[in-house]
């Protein structure tokens, strides 16, 4: 009885406290067994990838309302999670999956419901304009390389920011 209570308490603590997550696509192939990723119900998904659309069509994610391919998720600005877990499946063979450079960014539920929080995926020249007072903006950068393996001293992603104008 006591052990069951401890498990329930540990589960409750873990499910209440959550951080944003980054899920690397190269970790998922047809032989993957760790396909369930815990997330907060009500979070939002953002796909940052310059991988071939055909490859993204072979990776499906179920966020509580049925499986959707990653190329579809990428085109939906506010893809909301309706479950406390993501189920990721792939039909890609391991060598092909190993070449993927994209990732899924998962917000927290609080961030998803915060009007001052935004996520922007940069895949080309972009102008960001935030008109509200205090705000938080996460910028996701796609990686313009053909492999996720890079020199040890290379940055994970880079974004060049210019002409920052802050008023108020």
C-alpha atoms as a PDB file:
ATOM      1  CA  UNK A   1       0.000   0.000   0.000  1.00  0.00           C
ATOM      2  CA  UNK A   2       2.744   2.462   0.956  1.00  0.00           C
ATOM      3  CA  UNK A   3       4.760   1.672  -2.180  1.00  0.00           C
ATOM      4  CA  UNK A   4       1.735   2.378  -4.387  1.00  0.00           C
ATOM      5  CA  UNK A   5       1.243   5.736  -2.661  1.00  0.00           C
ATOM      6  CA  UNK A   6       4.886   6.645  -3.284  1.00  0.00           C
ATOM      7  CA  UNK A   7       4.574   5.767  -6.985  1.00  0.00           C
ATOM      8  CA  UNK A   8       1.408   7.849  -7.282  1.00  0.00           C
ATOM      9  CA  UNK A   9       3.077  10.790  -5.531  1.00  0.00           C
ATOM     10  CA  UNK A  10       6.177  10.541  -7.764  1.00  0.00           C
ATOM     11  CA  UNK A  11       3.983  10.407 -10.875  1.00  0.00           C
ATOM     12  CA  UNK A  12       1.983  13.429  -9.717  1.00  0.00           C
ATOM     13  CA  UNK A  13       5.124  15.480  -9.032  1.00  0.00           C
ATOM     14  CA  UNK A  14       6.603  14.581 -12.424  1.00  0.00           C
ATOM     15  CA  UNK A  15       3.380  15.328 -14.267  1.00  0.00           C
ATOM     16  CA  UNK A  16       2.859  18.719 -12.595  1.00  0.00           C
ATOM     17  CA  UNK A  17       6.388  20.023 -13.139  1.00  0.00           C
ATOM     18  CA  UNK A  18       7.497  20.138 -16.735  1.00  0.00           C
ATOM     19  CA  UNK A  19      10.083  21.887 -18.836  1.00  0.00           C
ATOM     20  CA  UNK A  20      10.020  22.573 -22.546  1.00  0.00           C
ATOM     21  CA  UNK A  21      11.458  19.615 -24.451  1.00  0.00           C
ATOM     22  CA  UNK A  22      13.563  19.118 -27.530  1.00  0.00           C
ATOM     23  CA  UNK A  23      13.071  15.789 -29.293  1.00  0.00           C
ATOM     24  CA  UNK A  24      15.705  15.021 -31.949  1.00  0.00           C
ATOM     25  CA  UNK A  25      14.273  13.295 -35.019  1.00  0.00           C
ATOM     26  CA  UNK A  26      17.372  11.172 -35.690  1.00  0.00           C
ATOM     27  CA  UNK A  27      16.543   9.140 -32.566  1.00  0.00           C
ATOM     28  CA  UNK A  28      13.478   7.596 -34.224  1.00  0.00           C
ATOM     29  CA  UNK A  29      13.596   4.846 -36.840  1.00  0.00           C
ATOM     30  CA  UNK A  30      11.669   1.687 -37.676  1.00  0.00           C
ATOM     31  CA  UNK A  31      13.495  -0.200 -34.918  1.00  0.00           C
ATOM     32  CA  UNK A  32      12.928   2.378 -32.158  1.00  0.00           C
ATOM     33  CA  UNK A  33      11.504   1.008 -28.937  1.00  0.00           C
ATOM     34  CA  UNK A  34      11.492   4.193 -26.814  1.00  0.00           C
ATOM     35  CA  UNK A  35       8.629   5.833 -28.702  1.00  0.00           C
ATOM     36  CA  UNK A  36       6.625   7.268 -25.795  1.00  0.00           C
ATOM     37  CA  UNK A  37       7.651  10.758 -24.672  1.00  0.00           C
ATOM     38  CA  UNK A  38       6.007  12.257 -21.562  1.00  0.00           C
ATOM     39  CA  UNK A  39       4.711  15.818 -22.058  1.00  0.00           C
ATOM     40  CA  UNK A  40       2.155  18.124 -20.473  1.00  0.00           C
ATOM     41  CA  UNK A  41      -1.427  17.915 -21.659  1.00  0.00           C
ATOM     42  CA  UNK A  42      -2.144  21.260 -23.351  1.00  0.00           C
ATOM     43  CA  UNK A  43       1.424  21.876 -24.547  1.00  0.00           C
ATOM     44  CA  UNK A  44       2.153  22.855 -28.155  1.00  0.00           C
ATOM     45  CA  UNK A  45       4.443  21.189 -30.704  1.00  0.00           C
ATOM     46  CA  UNK A  46       6.714  22.971 -33.165  1.00  0.00           C
ATOM     47  CA  UNK A  47       8.782  21.152 -35.800  1.00  0.00           C
ATOM     48  CA  UNK A  48      12.061  22.798 -36.833  1.00  0.00           C
ATOM     49  CA  UNK A  49      13.529  20.862 -39.719  1.00  0.00           C
ATOM     50  CA  UNK A  50      14.891  21.359 -43.190  1.00  0.00           C
ATOM     51  CA  UNK A  51      14.839  17.603 -43.757  1.00  0.00           C
ATOM     52  CA  UNK A  52      13.192  16.345 -46.936  1.00  0.00           C
ATOM     53  CA  UNK A  53       9.383  16.426 -46.736  1.00  0.00           C
ATOM     54  CA  UNK A  54       9.235  12.800 -47.899  1.00  0.00           C
ATOM     55  CA  UNK A  55      11.286  11.777 -44.858  1.00  0.00           C
ATOM     56  CA  UNK A  56       9.075  13.787 -42.496  1.00  0.00           C
ATOM     57  CA  UNK A  57       6.005  12.045 -43.958  1.00  0.00           C
ATOM     58  CA  UNK A  58       7.455   8.754 -42.661  1.00  0.00           C
ATOM     59  CA  UNK A  59       7.486   9.935 -39.046  1.00  0.00           C
ATOM     60  CA  UNK A  60       4.126  10.035 -37.276  1.00  0.00           C
ATOM     61  CA  UNK A  61       3.267  11.567 -33.950  1.00  0.00           C
ATOM     62  CA  UNK A  62       0.176  10.888 -31.867  1.00  0.00           C
ATOM     63  CA  UNK A  63      -0.507  13.725 -29.432  1.00  0.00           C
ATOM     64  CA  UNK A  64      -3.837  12.339 -28.252  1.00  0.00           C
ATOM     65  CA  UNK A  65      -6.083  12.734 -31.305  1.00  0.00           C
ATOM     66  CA  UNK A  66      -4.569  10.190 -33.698  1.00  0.00           C
ATOM     67  CA  UNK A  67      -1.329   9.948 -35.646  1.00  0.00           C
ATOM     68  CA  UNK A  68      -0.244  12.876 -37.839  1.00  0.00           C
ATOM     69  CA  UNK A  69       2.893  13.036 -39.997  1.00  0.00           C
ATOM     70  CA  UNK A  70       5.596  15.532 -39.044  1.00  0.00           C
ATOM     71  CA  UNK A  71       5.288  17.411 -42.324  1.00  0.00           C
ATOM     72  CA  UNK A  72       1.660  18.117 -41.341  1.00  0.00           C
ATOM     73  CA  UNK A  73       2.610  19.135 -37.792  1.00  0.00           C
ATOM     74  CA  UNK A  74       5.227  21.497 -39.228  1.00  0.00           C
ATOM     75  CA  UNK A  75       2.553  23.356 -41.198  1.00  0.00           C
ATOM     76  CA  UNK A  76       0.226  23.848 -38.193  1.00  0.00           C
ATOM     77  CA  UNK A  77       1.167  26.912 -36.136  1.00  0.00           C
ATOM     78  CA  UNK A  78      -0.644  25.888 -32.949  1.00  0.00           C
ATOM     79  CA  UNK A  79      -0.487  22.097 -32.809  1.00  0.00           C
ATOM     80  CA  UNK A  80      -1.833  21.383 -29.329  1.00  0.00           C
ATOM     81  CA  UNK A  81      -1.201  18.205 -27.322  1.00  0.00           C
ATOM     82  CA  UNK A  82      -4.344  16.471 -26.004  1.00  0.00           C
ATOM     83  CA  UNK A  83      -2.566  13.851 -23.904  1.00  0.00           C
ATOM     84  CA  UNK A  84       0.204  13.536 -21.322  1.00  0.00           C
ATOM     85  CA  UNK A  85       2.403  11.685 -23.797  1.00  0.00           C
ATOM     86  CA  UNK A  86       3.522  11.697 -27.402  1.00  0.00           C
ATOM     87  CA  UNK A  87       3.792   8.460 -29.323  1.00  0.00           C
ATOM     88  CA  UNK A  88       6.343   8.732 -32.126  1.00  0.00           C
ATOM     89  CA  UNK A  89       6.578   6.092 -34.851  1.00  0.00           C
ATOM     90  CA  UNK A  90       8.798   5.946 -37.900  1.00  0.00           C
ATOM     91  CA  UNK A  91       9.105   3.767 -40.972  1.00  0.00           C
ATOM     92  CA  UNK A  92      12.595   5.076 -41.787  1.00  0.00           C
ATOM     93  CA  UNK A  93      15.492   2.640 -41.705  1.00  0.00           C
ATOM     94  CA  UNK A  94      18.263   3.455 -39.185  1.00  0.00           C
ATOM     95  CA  UNK A  95      20.820   4.769 -41.744  1.00  0.00           C
ATOM     96  CA  UNK A  96      18.250   7.177 -43.209  1.00  0.00           C
ATOM     97  CA  UNK A  97      17.009   8.275 -39.799  1.00  0.00           C
ATOM     98  CA  UNK A  98      20.600   8.990 -38.734  1.00  0.00           C
ATOM     99  CA  UNK A  99      20.809  11.734 -41.377  1.00  0.00           C
ATOM    100  CA  UNK A 100      17.885  13.752 -39.983  1.00  0.00           C
ATOM    101  CA  UNK A 101      18.824  17.154 -38.565  1.00  0.00           C
ATOM    102  CA  UNK A 102      15.447  18.440 -37.357  1.00  0.00           C
ATOM    103  CA  UNK A 103      13.764  18.370 -33.983  1.00  0.00           C
ATOM    104  CA  UNK A 104      10.425  18.821 -32.250  1.00  0.00           C
ATOM    105  CA  UNK A 105      10.131  21.581 -29.656  1.00  0.00           C
ATOM    106  CA  UNK A 106       7.435  20.970 -27.035  1.00  0.00           C
ATOM    107  CA  UNK A 107       6.297  23.912 -24.914  1.00  0.00           C
ATOM    108  CA  UNK A 108       4.833  23.600 -21.447  1.00  0.00           C
ATOM    109  CA  UNK A 109       1.062  23.916 -21.045  1.00  0.00           C
ATOM    110  CA  UNK A 110       1.552  27.256 -19.267  1.00  0.00           C
ATOM    111  CA  UNK A 111       3.610  28.584 -22.190  1.00  0.00           C
ATOM    112  CA  UNK A 112       1.011  27.338 -24.677  1.00  0.00           C
ATOM    113  CA  UNK A 113      -1.671  29.349 -22.866  1.00  0.00           C
ATOM    114  CA  UNK A 114       0.453  32.480 -22.354  1.00  0.00           C
ATOM    115  CA  UNK A 115      -0.328  35.250 -24.863  1.00  0.00           C
ATOM    116  CA  UNK A 116       3.090  36.823 -24.230  1.00  0.00           C
ATOM    117  CA  UNK A 117       4.959  33.634 -25.196  1.00  0.00           C
ATOM    118  CA  UNK A 118       5.734  32.847 -28.834  1.00  0.00           C
ATOM    119  CA  UNK A 119       7.745  30.338 -30.834  1.00  0.00           C
ATOM    120  CA  UNK A 120       9.106  31.145 -34.288  1.00  0.00           C
ATOM    121  CA  UNK A 121      10.877  28.703 -36.583  1.00  0.00           C
ATOM    122  CA  UNK A 122      13.528  30.387 -38.716  1.00  0.00           C
ATOM    123  CA  UNK A 123      14.035  28.589 -42.003  1.00  0.00           C
ATOM    124  CA  UNK A 124      14.740  31.669 -44.113  1.00  0.00           C
ATOM    125  CA  UNK A 125      15.077  35.417 -43.644  1.00  0.00           C
ATOM    126  CA  UNK A 126      12.429  36.440 -41.087  1.00  0.00           C
ATOM    127  CA  UNK A 127      11.298  39.642 -39.476  1.00  0.00           C
ATOM    128  CA  UNK A 128       9.874  39.214 -35.995  1.00  0.00           C
ATOM    129  CA  UNK A 129       7.655  41.926 -34.628  1.00  0.00           C
ATOM    130  CA  UNK A 130       6.324  41.610 -31.107  1.00  0.00           C
ATOM    131  CA  UNK A 131       3.869  44.350 -30.221  1.00  0.00           C
ATOM    132  CA  UNK A 132       2.902  43.425 -26.673  1.00  0.00           C
ATOM    133  CA  UNK A 133       4.819  44.827 -23.718  1.00  0.00           C
ATOM    134  CA  UNK A 134       6.800  42.172 -21.892  1.00  0.00           C
ATOM    135  CA  UNK A 135       7.113  38.976 -23.866  1.00  0.00           C
ATOM    136  CA  UNK A 136       9.180  35.855 -24.355  1.00  0.00           C
ATOM    137  CA  UNK A 137      10.044  34.601 -27.813  1.00  0.00           C
ATOM    138  CA  UNK A 138      11.765  31.307 -28.582  1.00  0.00           C
ATOM    139  CA  UNK A 139      13.517  31.212 -31.947  1.00  0.00           C
ATOM    140  CA  UNK A 140      14.021  27.747 -33.435  1.00  0.00           C
ATOM    141  CA  UNK A 141      16.595  27.525 -36.171  1.00  0.00           C
ATOM    142  CA  UNK A 142      16.618  24.834 -38.823  1.00  0.00           C
ATOM    143  CA  UNK A 143      20.024  23.373 -39.540  1.00  0.00           C
ATOM    144  CA  UNK A 144      21.249  23.712 -43.109  1.00  0.00           C
ATOM    145  CA  UNK A 145      23.529  20.690 -43.102  1.00  0.00           C
ATOM    146  CA  UNK A 146      23.138  17.122 -44.253  1.00  0.00           C
ATOM    147  CA  UNK A 147      23.963  15.449 -40.942  1.00  0.00           C
ATOM    148  CA  UNK A 148      23.419  16.049 -37.236  1.00  0.00           C
ATOM    149  CA  UNK A 149      27.072  15.073 -36.607  1.00  0.00           C
ATOM    150  CA  UNK A 150      29.218  18.215 -36.557  1.00  0.00           C
ATOM    151  CA  UNK A 151      32.665  19.271 -35.361  1.00  0.00           C
ATOM    152  CA  UNK A 152      32.990  19.254 -31.569  1.00  0.00           C
ATOM    153  CA  UNK A 153      33.392  23.033 -31.395  1.00  0.00           C
ATOM    154  CA  UNK A 154      30.529  23.942 -33.748  1.00  0.00           C
ATOM    155  CA  UNK A 155      27.421  25.534 -32.243  1.00  0.00           C
ATOM    156  CA  UNK A 156      24.246  23.496 -32.190  1.00  0.00           C
ATOM    157  CA  UNK A 157      22.378  26.122 -34.192  1.00  0.00           C
ATOM    158  CA  UNK A 158      23.149  29.718 -35.104  1.00  0.00           C
ATOM    159  CA  UNK A 159      20.907  32.660 -35.806  1.00  0.00           C
ATOM    160  CA  UNK A 160      22.094  36.107 -36.832  1.00  0.00           C
ATOM    161  CA  UNK A 161      20.017  38.821 -35.185  1.00  0.00           C
ATOM    162  CA  UNK A 162      20.162  42.428 -36.394  1.00  0.00           C
ATOM    163  CA  UNK A 163      18.271  45.672 -35.903  1.00  0.00           C
ATOM    164  CA  UNK A 164      16.800  44.909 -32.494  1.00  0.00           C
ATOM    165  CA  UNK A 165      14.582  47.823 -31.530  1.00  0.00           C
ATOM    166  CA  UNK A 166      13.147  47.948 -28.052  1.00  0.00           C
ATOM    167  CA  UNK A 167      10.637  50.615 -27.129  1.00  0.00           C
ATOM    168  CA  UNK A 168       9.289  51.591 -23.765  1.00  0.00           C
END
